[in-house]
Protein backbone atom coordinates (compact mmCIF):
# COMPACT_ATOMS: atom_id res chain seq x y z
CA MET A 1 -191.58 208.08 -14.53
CA ASN A 2 -195.14 206.85 -14.69
CA ASN A 3 -196.69 205.73 -17.97
CA GLU A 4 -198.66 208.92 -18.53
CA LYS A 5 -195.61 211.15 -18.03
CA ARG A 6 -193.49 208.86 -20.18
CA LYS A 7 -196.09 209.01 -22.96
CA LEU A 8 -196.18 212.82 -22.77
CA HIS A 9 -192.37 212.96 -22.85
CA VAL A 10 -192.20 210.68 -25.89
CA GLU A 11 -194.90 212.68 -27.68
CA ARG A 12 -193.08 215.93 -26.95
CA GLU A 13 -189.80 214.53 -28.24
CA ARG A 14 -191.48 213.14 -31.34
CA SER A 15 -193.28 216.42 -32.04
CA ASN A 16 -190.00 218.31 -31.80
CA SER A 17 -188.08 215.94 -34.05
CA PRO A 18 -186.72 217.48 -37.25
CA ALA A 19 -188.94 215.19 -39.33
CA SER A 20 -192.03 216.84 -37.87
CA TYR A 21 -191.09 220.31 -39.15
CA PRO A 22 -191.27 221.48 -42.76
CA GLU A 23 -188.16 222.66 -44.58
CA LEU A 24 -189.61 226.18 -44.63
CA MET A 25 -191.10 227.08 -41.28
CA THR A 26 -193.43 229.89 -40.35
CA GLU A 27 -192.72 231.91 -37.23
CA PRO A 28 -195.11 229.85 -35.05
CA GLU A 29 -193.41 226.66 -36.23
CA LEU A 30 -189.99 228.17 -35.51
CA ILE A 31 -191.13 229.19 -32.04
CA GLN A 32 -192.10 225.59 -31.34
CA TYR A 33 -188.94 224.20 -32.97
CA LEU A 34 -186.74 226.41 -30.79
CA ARG A 35 -188.89 225.51 -27.77
CA ILE A 36 -189.34 229.17 -26.92
CA PRO A 37 -192.48 228.57 -24.79
CA GLU A 38 -190.52 226.15 -22.63
CA ILE A 39 -187.47 228.34 -22.09
CA SER A 40 -188.70 231.93 -22.22
CA ASP A 41 -190.76 233.94 -19.78
CA ALA A 42 -191.63 236.44 -22.52
CA SER A 43 -195.29 237.22 -22.91
CA ASP A 44 -194.91 237.63 -26.69
CA TYR A 45 -192.75 235.02 -28.40
CA HIS A 46 -192.66 237.12 -31.55
CA ASN A 47 -190.45 239.55 -29.63
CA VAL A 48 -188.04 236.73 -28.82
CA ILE A 49 -187.74 235.89 -32.52
CA GLU A 50 -187.29 239.56 -33.40
CA HIS A 51 -184.49 239.77 -30.85
CA LEU A 52 -182.80 236.69 -32.32
CA LYS A 53 -183.05 238.16 -35.81
CA ARG A 54 -181.71 241.54 -34.74
CA MET A 55 -179.05 240.55 -32.22
CA ARG A 56 -178.06 237.03 -33.25
CA ASP A 57 -178.62 237.17 -37.01
CA LEU A 58 -181.25 234.42 -37.13
CA PRO A 59 -181.44 233.33 -40.80
CA ARG A 60 -184.67 233.86 -42.69
CA ILE A 61 -186.03 234.29 -46.17
CA ARG A 62 -188.87 236.43 -47.44
CA ILE A 63 -191.27 234.87 -49.93
CA CYS A 64 -194.48 236.60 -51.01
CA ASN A 65 -194.10 239.15 -48.21
CA ARG A 66 -193.89 236.39 -45.59
CA VAL A 67 -190.85 235.65 -43.51
CA LEU A 68 -189.98 231.96 -43.49
CA TYR A 69 -187.20 230.06 -41.79
CA TYR A 70 -185.27 227.41 -43.72
CA LEU A 71 -184.77 224.50 -41.35
CA PRO A 72 -181.23 223.52 -42.46
CA ALA A 73 -180.12 227.16 -42.12
CA VAL A 74 -181.67 227.37 -38.66
CA ARG A 75 -179.85 224.18 -37.65
CA ASP A 76 -176.55 225.62 -38.93
CA TRP A 77 -177.28 228.84 -37.06
CA LEU A 78 -177.94 226.88 -33.86
CA GLU A 79 -174.62 225.10 -34.19
CA GLY A 80 -172.93 228.46 -34.67
CA GLN A 81 -174.66 229.75 -31.56
CA MET A 82 -173.05 226.97 -29.58
CA GLY A 83 -169.67 228.43 -30.53
CA PHE A 84 -170.95 231.88 -29.63
CA MET A 85 -171.86 230.64 -26.16
CA ASP A 86 -168.39 229.14 -25.67
CA HIS A 87 -166.80 232.55 -26.23
CA HIS A 88 -169.06 234.47 -23.82
């Protein structure tokens, strides 16, 4: 891996580290945290999140008419999804 690619890889990993996300994330932050742009071909990432909420019970909280995602709950949900994948 050349230096430029290595630098980009390190920056990407650092930007996706838990420390770089707030405890309460907005939908755009959640989309980045879940790496949706990297793994989905969807043209609208909001639809991906809506699907996860509807079909996979993605945890969220509503504050002042805004939907926010509590990072520890999202992490717990992700761990639970790993078990879901083992059974399907």
